[in-house]
């Protein structure tokens, strides 16, 4: 049964509302580097490590070693509890879309909604085309904005600091939402009418993890090797997917809100919780990481990690990843005592190309595998400590800074480039 369209401003207002809805939902959900059905989302990335270009496996000196190289937990040497109060990030496309939205609204939306016949008025042809073009562009762009829920981590040294146990819980902090329009139906001469027959397919993935890791340090004090650290981590994962692939709706369906809600988003008498249980495809899984740190001399570390060495998530698995890394502290290497400044240089090579967009966005260049980072800490270990960071992640520059206040509060920001987009990341953490 065909729907009779009323060629009034209400039609374009509805289409406009739908367009803005896509923008809003895209802004509220983080479009991260994963193919929703083929590969699980990446598990975690800290703001500090992002600023260092992900060259961290041989540094591994804070609680996030749990996620990057579990062997580094014994580097901490003390009991640490850390609460990540908030972590937000958004892509550069968000900034561009937000900056041009006022002009788009005034030049395109206002004339269409003010017209009595917006679909047929020949003077509004440019505005109608601009509306459709903007909607299609938004669906193609990397628009991501996320606000992560609080997460905590705990590290416990044991056996005279030769052994360390770590645990990290990240409750459902990662989302991946995408929209795509599938063209169907007969061609229409008007671009707005052409869009009405198209189907909209959305997919949202939510993921959380509980990670435990153990690390052991063995001091050799040999001339060629001072110490060896080994570590292992087990990650339990829960993932849910919400999609309309089996029953996609057409854009024209939103012109009748009551029928649209009834056919596609009918919560029923039991409310949203029952609706979510029936429509979310939930799976659980695991992954196992192994890591090692070799210290030939003070100020020099060599790291090797095997991430996702074993894994499973329903009938899928995480891509196994090998990373070889090196980190150096020049002042320690030169036996220079400097209480005002601490410098760390790091580099790593991984195969395949890390956990950034394995496949779709790979440039098939050698730089896909390389990570470089440098960190300068001013007044290390003092009541107020400032860090300056820079790096290169797979050929894309990264930069960031952080401040640690009273050895308790950490505030970090980073500009991070990867194979998908440029991201601005900020976080606030409390550790004691």
Protein backbone atom coordinates (compact mmCIF):
# COMPACT_ATOMS: atom_id res chain seq x y z
CA UNK A 1 0.00 0.00 0.00
CA UNK A 2 1.50 3.31 -1.13
CA UNK A 3 1.54 6.25 1.22
CA UNK A 4 0.01 9.45 -0.07
CA UNK A 5 2.45 12.28 0.50
CA UNK A 6 1.28 15.72 1.50
CA UNK A 7 3.51 18.19 -0.33
CA UNK A 8 3.77 20.70 2.46
CA UNK A 9 6.47 22.02 4.71
CA UNK A 10 5.69 19.18 7.13
CA UNK A 11 7.16 16.65 4.70
CA UNK A 12 10.48 18.41 4.46
CA UNK A 13 10.42 19.10 8.19
CA UNK A 14 10.08 15.36 8.76
CA UNK A 15 12.92 14.58 6.38
CA UNK A 16 14.97 17.31 8.00
CA UNK A 17 14.23 15.88 11.43
CA UNK A 18 15.34 12.46 10.24
CA UNK A 19 18.56 13.93 8.83
CA UNK A 20 19.31 15.75 12.06
CA UNK A 21 18.46 12.58 14.00
CA UNK A 22 21.18 10.71 12.14
CA UNK A 23 23.59 13.53 12.98
CA UNK A 24 22.61 13.47 16.65
CA UNK A 25 22.85 9.71 17.02
CA UNK A 26 26.19 9.71 15.23
CA UNK A 27 27.43 12.40 17.63
CA UNK A 28 26.31 10.43 20.67
CA UNK A 29 27.95 7.21 19.58
CA UNK A 30 31.61 6.58 18.99
CA UNK A 31 32.44 5.33 15.53
CA UNK A 32 35.54 3.32 16.37
CA UNK A 33 37.85 1.22 14.34
CA UNK A 34 36.12 -2.07 13.75
CA UNK A 35 33.89 -3.85 11.32
CA UNK A 36 30.94 -4.61 13.57
CA UNK A 37 30.22 -8.13 12.35
CA UNK A 38 33.70 -9.21 11.32
CA UNK A 39 35.93 -8.08 14.18
CA UNK A 40 35.41 -7.17 17.83
CA UNK A 41 36.15 -3.64 18.90
CA UNK A 42 39.57 -2.76 20.17
CA UNK A 43 39.72 -3.26 23.89
CA UNK A 44 41.24 -0.15 25.40
CA UNK A 45 43.54 2.76 24.67
CA UNK A 46 44.65 5.31 27.25
CA UNK A 47 45.04 9.03 26.53
CA UNK A 48 48.73 8.97 27.43
CA UNK A 49 49.47 6.06 25.10
CA UNK A 50 47.49 7.69 22.30
CA UNK A 51 49.68 10.79 22.52
CA UNK A 52 52.75 8.52 22.35
CA UNK A 53 51.61 7.08 19.03
CA UNK A 54 50.80 3.74 20.72
CA UNK A 55 54.54 3.10 21.19
CA UNK A 56 54.08 1.83 24.73
CA UNK A 57 54.77 -1.90 25.02
CA UNK A 58 58.40 -1.36 26.08
CA UNK A 59 57.49 1.50 28.46
CA UNK A 60 54.64 -0.30 30.28
CA UNK A 61 55.14 1.59 33.54
CA UNK A 62 51.59 2.40 34.63
CA UNK A 63 48.36 0.55 35.28
CA UNK A 64 47.48 0.42 31.57
CA UNK A 65 50.23 -2.16 31.09
CA UNK A 66 47.36 -4.57 31.82
CA UNK A 67 46.04 -3.85 28.32
CA UNK A 68 49.28 -3.35 26.38
CA UNK A 69 51.99 -5.53 27.94
CA UNK A 70 51.12 -7.35 31.18
CA UNK A 71 54.82 -7.93 31.90
CA UNK A 72 55.10 -4.25 32.83
CA UNK A 73 52.96 -4.54 35.97
CA UNK A 74 56.03 -5.26 38.11
CA UNK A 75 57.46 -1.91 36.94
CA UNK A 76 54.90 -0.15 39.15
CA UNK A 77 56.37 -1.59 42.35
CA UNK A 78 53.53 -0.53 44.65
CA UNK A 79 49.83 -1.00 45.28
CA UNK A 80 47.84 1.27 42.98
CA UNK A 81 44.11 1.80 42.69
CA UNK A 82 42.99 3.95 39.79
CA UNK A 83 39.57 5.27 38.87
CA UNK A 84 39.09 6.65 35.39
CA UNK A 85 36.37 9.15 36.20
CA UNK A 86 35.73 10.22 32.62
CA UNK A 87 37.23 9.87 29.16
CA UNK A 88 35.83 11.68 26.14
CA UNK A 89 36.86 11.72 22.51
CA UNK A 90 35.62 13.01 19.19
CA UNK A 91 36.83 13.12 15.60
CA UNK A 92 37.86 16.22 13.69
CA UNK A 93 34.81 15.69 11.44
CA UNK A 94 32.62 16.53 14.43
CA UNK A 95 34.28 19.94 14.67
CA UNK A 96 33.80 20.59 10.95
CA UNK A 97 30.16 19.50 10.97
CA UNK A 98 29.39 21.61 14.04
CA UNK A 99 31.11 24.68 12.56
CA UNK A 100 29.13 24.55 9.30
CA UNK A 101 25.77 23.56 10.78
CA UNK A 102 24.50 27.14 11.48
CA UNK A 103 25.07 28.19 7.85
CA UNK A 104 23.51 24.97 6.57
CA UNK A 105 20.46 25.52 8.74
CA UNK A 106 19.99 29.15 7.66
CA UNK A 107 20.70 28.61 3.96
CA UNK A 108 18.98 25.25 3.45
CA UNK A 109 16.64 24.23 6.25
CA UNK A 110 14.92 27.58 6.87
CA UNK A 111 13.93 28.21 3.20
CA UNK A 112 12.53 24.68 2.87
CA UNK A 113 10.50 24.76 6.07
CA UNK A 114 9.19 28.26 5.33
CA UNK A 115 7.86 27.25 1.90
CA UNK A 116 4.27 26.13 1.32
CA UNK A 117 5.37 23.74 -1.43
CA UNK A 118 8.99 22.79 -0.70
CA UNK A 119 8.98 19.64 -2.83
CA UNK A 120 7.81 21.29 -6.05
CA UNK A 121 8.96 24.91 -5.75
CA UNK A 122 11.51 25.31 -8.59
CA UNK A 123 13.30 28.09 -6.71
CA UNK A 124 14.20 25.63 -3.93
CA UNK A 125 15.84 23.00 -6.13
CA UNK A 126 19.29 23.87 -4.82
CA UNK A 127 18.13 23.63 -1.19
CA UNK A 128 16.49 20.23 -1.76
CA UNK A 129 19.63 18.89 -3.36
CA UNK A 130 21.77 20.35 -0.57
CA UNK A 131 19.61 18.59 2.04
CA UNK A 132 20.05 15.20 0.40
CA UNK A 133 23.75 15.76 -0.24
CA UNK A 134 24.35 16.73 3.38
CA UNK A 135 22.60 13.60 4.65
CA UNK A 136 24.65 11.36 2.34
CA UNK A 137 27.91 13.09 3.28
CA UNK A 138 27.23 12.66 6.99
CA UNK A 139 26.72 8.93 6.53
CA UNK A 140 30.09 8.65 4.77
CA UNK A 141 32.12 10.76 7.17
CA UNK A 142 33.87 9.64 10.33
CA UNK A 143 31.66 11.35 12.85
CA UNK A 144 32.46 10.02 16.28
CA UNK A 145 31.88 11.32 19.79
CA UNK A 146 32.06 9.21 22.90
CA UNK A 147 31.90 9.67 26.64
CA UNK A 148 33.20 6.60 28.43
CA UNK A 149 31.74 5.36 31.69
CA UNK A 150 33.94 5.17 34.78
CA UNK A 151 36.38 2.26 34.91
CA UNK A 152 38.76 1.08 37.57
CA UNK A 153 42.04 -0.77 37.82
CA UNK A 154 44.02 -2.28 40.69
CA UNK A 155 47.64 -3.47 40.89
CA UNK A 156 48.95 -5.50 43.84
CA UNK A 157 52.68 -6.24 44.23
CA UNK A 158 53.52 -9.54 45.91
CA UNK A 159 56.51 -11.72 46.82
CA UNK A 160 58.82 -8.79 47.59
CA UNK A 161 57.68 -6.98 44.43
CA UNK A 162 58.84 -9.80 42.18
CA UNK A 163 55.23 -10.64 41.38
CA UNK A 164 52.35 -8.31 40.52
CA UNK A 165 48.65 -8.97 40.01
CA UNK A 166 46.48 -6.54 38.10
CA UNK A 167 42.78 -6.24 37.41
CA UNK A 168 40.87 -3.79 35.23
CA UNK A 169 37.15 -3.44 34.71
CA UNK A 170 35.81 -1.33 31.86
CA UNK A 171 32.01 -1.49 31.96
CA UNK A 172 30.48 -1.12 28.51
CA UNK A 173 32.59 1.87 27.60
CA UNK A 174 32.89 1.23 23.87
CA UNK A 175 30.27 1.70 21.22
CA UNK A 176 30.32 1.46 17.46
CA UNK A 177 27.34 2.79 15.55
CA UNK A 178 26.93 3.06 11.80
CA UNK A 179 24.19 4.03 9.38
CA UNK A 180 24.03 3.27 5.68
CA UNK A 181 21.44 3.99 3.02
CA UNK A 182 20.59 1.30 0.46
CA UNK A 183 19.10 2.62 -2.77
CA UNK A 184 15.99 0.85 -4.02
CA UNK A 185 12.70 1.61 -5.77
CA UNK A 186 12.05 3.58 -8.95
CA UNK A 187 14.01 6.75 -9.79
CA UNK A 188 12.34 10.07 -9.02
CA UNK A 189 13.15 13.38 -10.72
CA UNK A 190 13.30 15.17 -7.37
CA UNK A 191 16.24 14.31 -5.07
CA UNK A 192 14.10 14.41 -1.92
CA UNK A 193 11.53 12.03 -3.41
CA UNK A 194 14.39 9.85 -4.63
CA UNK A 195 15.57 9.51 -1.05
CA UNK A 196 12.15 8.47 0.33
CA UNK A 197 12.30 4.95 -1.18
CA UNK A 198 15.76 4.17 0.15
CA UNK A 199 16.28 1.82 3.07
CA UNK A 200 18.19 2.76 6.20
CA UNK A 201 20.26 0.06 7.89
CA UNK A 202 21.70 0.83 11.29
CA UNK A 203 23.95 -1.24 13.50
CA UNK A 204 25.18 -0.52 17.02
CA UNK A 205 27.70 -2.57 18.98
CA UNK A 206 28.40 -2.25 22.71
CA UNK A 207 31.34 -3.87 24.42
CA UNK A 208 32.78 -4.15 27.91
CA UNK A 209 35.61 -6.16 29.38
CA UNK A 210 37.06 -7.46 32.63
CA UNK A 211 40.82 -7.99 32.46
CA UNK A 212 43.15 -9.73 34.89
CA UNK A 213 46.90 -10.04 34.47
CA UNK A 214 49.92 -11.31 36.35
CA UNK A 215 53.57 -10.33 35.96
CA UNK A 216 56.80 -11.85 37.28
CA UNK A 217 60.19 -10.11 37.51
CA UNK A 218 63.48 -12.01 37.72
CA UNK A 219 66.66 -10.05 38.42
CA UNK A 220 69.70 -11.50 36.66
CA UNK A 221 72.18 -8.65 37.14
CA UNK A 222 74.32 -10.14 34.37
CA UNK A 223 76.57 -7.95 32.27
CA UNK A 224 74.34 -8.34 29.22
CA UNK A 225 70.91 -8.58 30.88
CA UNK A 226 69.85 -6.94 34.11
CA UNK A 227 66.31 -8.34 34.45
CA UNK A 228 63.57 -10.27 32.70
CA UNK A 229 59.85 -9.72 33.18
CA UNK A 230 57.11 -11.94 31.83
CA UNK A 231 53.36 -11.48 32.06
CA UNK A 232 50.05 -12.94 30.97
CA UNK A 233 46.57 -11.46 30.78
CA UNK A 234 43.08 -12.90 30.45
CA UNK A 235 40.28 -10.70 29.18
CA UNK A 236 36.59 -11.58 29.49
CA UNK A 237 34.39 -9.76 27.00
CA UNK A 238 30.68 -9.15 26.66
CA UNK A 239 29.36 -7.72 23.42
CA UNK A 240 25.87 -6.79 22.21
CA UNK A 241 24.70 -5.79 18.73
CA UNK A 242 21.49 -3.96 17.84
CA UNK A 243 20.61 -3.81 14.13
CA UNK A 244 17.68 -3.68 11.72
CA UNK A 245 19.39 -5.61 8.91
CA UNK A 246 16.64 -8.25 8.92
CA UNK A 247 13.87 -5.65 8.74
CA UNK A 248 15.17 -2.27 7.51
CA UNK A 249 12.87 0.71 7.30
CA UNK A 250 12.46 3.16 4.43
CA UNK A 251 12.96 6.87 4.85
CA UNK A 252 9.34 7.35 3.78
CA UNK A 253 8.26 5.34 6.83
CA UNK A 254 9.24 8.17 9.17
CA UNK A 255 6.60 10.39 7.55
CA UNK A 256 4.03 8.53 9.64
CA UNK A 257 5.56 8.57 13.14
CA UNK A 258 2.86 6.44 14.79
CA UNK A 259 3.11 3.62 12.25
CA UNK A 260 6.89 3.92 12.23
CA UNK A 261 7.08 3.46 15.99
CA UNK A 262 4.57 0.61 15.91
CA UNK A 263 6.35 -1.32 13.15
CA UNK A 264 9.97 -0.77 14.09
CA UNK A 265 10.28 0.45 17.68
CA UNK A 266 7.29 -0.99 19.49
CA UNK A 267 8.29 -1.28 23.14
CA UNK A 268 5.08 -3.07 24.09
CA UNK A 269 3.62 -3.23 27.58
CA UNK A 270 6.82 -4.47 29.24
CA UNK A 271 8.89 -1.42 28.31
CA UNK A 272 12.40 -0.90 27.01
CA UNK A 273 14.14 -3.60 29.06
CA UNK A 274 12.05 -6.35 27.49
CA UNK A 275 12.46 -4.80 24.03
CA UNK A 276 16.24 -4.68 24.46
CA UNK A 277 16.43 -8.32 25.57
CA UNK A 278 14.50 -9.43 22.50
CA UNK A 279 16.44 -7.35 19.98
CA UNK A 280 20.02 -7.32 21.29
CA UNK A 281 22.27 -10.10 20.04
CA UNK A 282 24.63 -10.69 22.97
CA UNK A 283 27.75 -12.80 22.96
CA UNK A 284 30.56 -13.41 25.43
CA UNK A 285 34.16 -14.28 24.79
CA UNK A 286 37.75 -14.06 25.90
CA UNK A 287 41.27 -13.24 24.76
CA UNK A 288 44.70 -14.12 26.13
CA UNK A 289 47.77 -11.86 26.00
CA UNK A 290 51.41 -12.73 26.69
CA UNK A 291 54.19 -10.21 27.18
CA UNK A 292 57.83 -9.86 28.12
CA UNK A 293 60.23 -7.06 29.03
CA UNK A 294 64.00 -7.40 28.83
CA UNK A 295 66.25 -4.83 30.51
CA UNK A 296 69.84 -5.08 29.21
CA UNK A 297 70.87 -2.04 31.27
CA UNK A 298 69.33 0.77 33.28
CA UNK A 299 67.35 3.01 30.96
CA UNK A 300 66.80 0.52 28.14
CA UNK A 301 63.86 -1.87 27.73
CA UNK A 302 63.00 -4.34 24.99
CA UNK A 303 59.43 -5.59 24.83
CA UNK A 304 57.65 -8.38 22.97
CA UNK A 305 53.91 -8.94 23.26
CA UNK A 306 51.47 -11.41 21.75
CA UNK A 307 47.98 -9.92 21.98
CA UNK A 308 44.96 -12.10 21.40
CA UNK A 309 47.20 -15.15 21.17
CA UNK A 310 44.08 -17.16 21.91
CA UNK A 311 40.62 -15.66 21.65
CA UNK A 312 37.01 -16.30 20.85
CA UNK A 313 33.78 -14.35 20.70
CA UNK A 314 30.84 -16.47 19.61
CA UNK A 315 32.02 -17.83 16.23
CA UNK A 316 34.53 -14.99 15.74
CA UNK A 317 38.01 -14.27 17.07
CA UNK A 318 40.23 -11.27 17.66
CA UNK A 319 43.06 -10.76 15.16
CA UNK A 320 46.25 -12.04 16.80
CA UNK A 321 48.89 -9.32 17.07
CA UNK A 322 52.67 -9.43 17.56
CA UNK A 323 54.47 -6.31 18.79
CA UNK A 324 58.22 -5.76 19.13
CA UNK A 325 59.16 -2.59 20.98
CA UNK A 326 62.07 -0.65 22.45
CA UNK A 327 62.12 2.22 24.96
CA UNK A 328 65.02 4.26 26.27
CA UNK A 329 65.57 6.84 29.01
CA UNK A 330 68.64 8.80 27.81
CA UNK A 331 69.45 10.31 31.23
CA UNK A 332 69.54 6.86 32.84
CA UNK A 333 71.60 5.43 30.00
CA UNK A 334 74.15 8.22 30.44
CA UNK A 335 73.99 7.91 34.24
CA UNK A 336 72.88 11.55 34.58
CA UNK A 337 70.90 12.44 37.70
CA UNK A 338 68.25 14.98 36.71
CA UNK A 339 65.44 15.66 39.19
CA UNK A 340 63.86 18.37 37.01
CA UNK A 341 63.41 16.45 33.79
CA UNK A 342 62.75 12.89 32.64
CA UNK A 343 62.86 11.90 28.96
CA UNK A 344 61.54 8.70 27.39
CA UNK A 345 61.87 7.67 23.74
CA UNK A 346 59.98 4.68 22.36
CA UNK A 347 59.32 2.81 19.13
CA UNK A 348 57.39 -0.31 18.22
CA UNK A 349 56.54 -2.47 15.23
CA UNK A 350 53.46 -4.65 15.13
CA UNK A 351 51.94 -7.15 12.75
CA UNK A 352 49.22 -6.96 11.70
CA UNK A 353 48.87 -3.20 11.96
CA UNK A 354 47.79 -2.88 15.56
CA UNK A 355 44.13 -2.74 16.48
CA UNK A 356 43.32 0.23 14.24
CA UNK A 357 40.98 -0.68 11.40
CA UNK A 358 42.46 -4.02 10.51
CA UNK A 359 41.61 -4.37 6.85
CA UNK A 360 39.30 -1.62 5.65
CA UNK A 361 41.52 1.40 6.28
CA UNK A 362 44.97 -0.21 5.94
CA UNK A 363 47.21 1.74 3.59
CA UNK A 364 49.29 -1.36 2.80
CA UNK A 365 52.43 0.60 3.58
CA UNK A 366 55.28 -0.25 5.92
CA UNK A 367 54.26 2.69 8.10
CA UNK A 368 51.04 0.82 8.92
CA UNK A 369 53.13 -1.19 11.40
CA UNK A 370 55.26 1.54 13.00
CA UNK A 371 54.63 3.52 16.19
CA UNK A 372 56.94 6.23 17.58
CA UNK A 373 56.66 8.22 20.80
CA UNK A 374 58.50 10.66 23.06
CA UNK A 375 57.59 11.92 26.53
CA UNK A 376 59.14 14.71 28.58
CA UNK A 377 58.14 14.86 32.25
CA UNK A 378 58.82 18.08 34.11
CA UNK A 379 59.35 17.82 37.89
CA UNK A 380 58.86 14.03 37.92
CA UNK A 381 57.55 12.68 41.20
CA UNK A 382 56.80 16.14 42.61
CA UNK A 383 53.45 17.45 43.87
CA UNK A 384 52.78 18.97 40.45
CA UNK A 385 54.16 17.09 37.45
CA UNK A 386 53.70 18.11 33.81
CA UNK A 387 54.17 15.80 30.82
CA UNK A 388 54.63 16.74 27.16
CA UNK A 389 54.14 13.99 24.59
CA UNK A 390 54.46 13.53 20.83
CA UNK A 391 54.54 10.60 18.47
CA UNK A 392 53.59 9.04 15.19
CA UNK A 393 50.94 6.34 14.91
CA UNK A 394 51.13 4.37 11.65
CA UNK A 395 52.22 7.47 9.73
CA UNK A 396 49.85 9.87 11.49
CA UNK A 397 51.14 12.48 13.99
CA UNK A 398 50.06 12.47 17.63
CA UNK A 399 50.59 15.03 20.37
CA UNK A 400 49.40 15.50 23.93
CA UNK A 401 50.03 16.80 27.40
CA UNK A 402 49.17 15.84 30.95
CA UNK A 403 49.36 17.16 34.47
CA UNK A 404 49.50 15.17 37.71
CA UNK A 405 48.45 17.05 40.83
CA UNK A 406 49.30 16.01 44.39
CA UNK A 407 50.25 12.55 43.08
CA UNK A 408 46.52 11.88 42.94
CA UNK A 409 44.74 13.57 40.02
CA UNK A 410 45.73 12.98 36.40
CA UNK A 411 44.42 15.23 33.61
CA UNK A 412 45.44 14.26 30.07
CA UNK A 413 44.60 15.40 26.54
CA UNK A 414 45.79 14.06 23.19
CA UNK A 415 45.40 14.73 19.49
CA UNK A 416 45.57 11.30 17.94
CA UNK A 417 45.67 10.27 14.30
CA UNK A 418 44.98 6.74 13.11
CA UNK A 419 43.96 4.96 9.92
CA UNK A 420 40.36 6.07 10.41
CA UNK A 421 40.36 9.71 11.48
CA UNK A 422 41.90 12.36 13.71
CA UNK A 423 40.68 12.21 17.31
CA UNK A 424 40.78 14.64 20.22
CA UNK A 425 40.87 12.69 23.51
CA UNK A 426 40.66 13.89 27.10
CA UNK A 427 40.56 12.02 30.39
CA UNK A 428 40.49 12.55 34.14
CA UNK A 429 41.80 9.86 36.47
CA UNK A 430 42.28 9.52 40.19
CA UNK A 431 44.94 7.12 41.47
CA UNK A 432 46.34 6.39 44.90
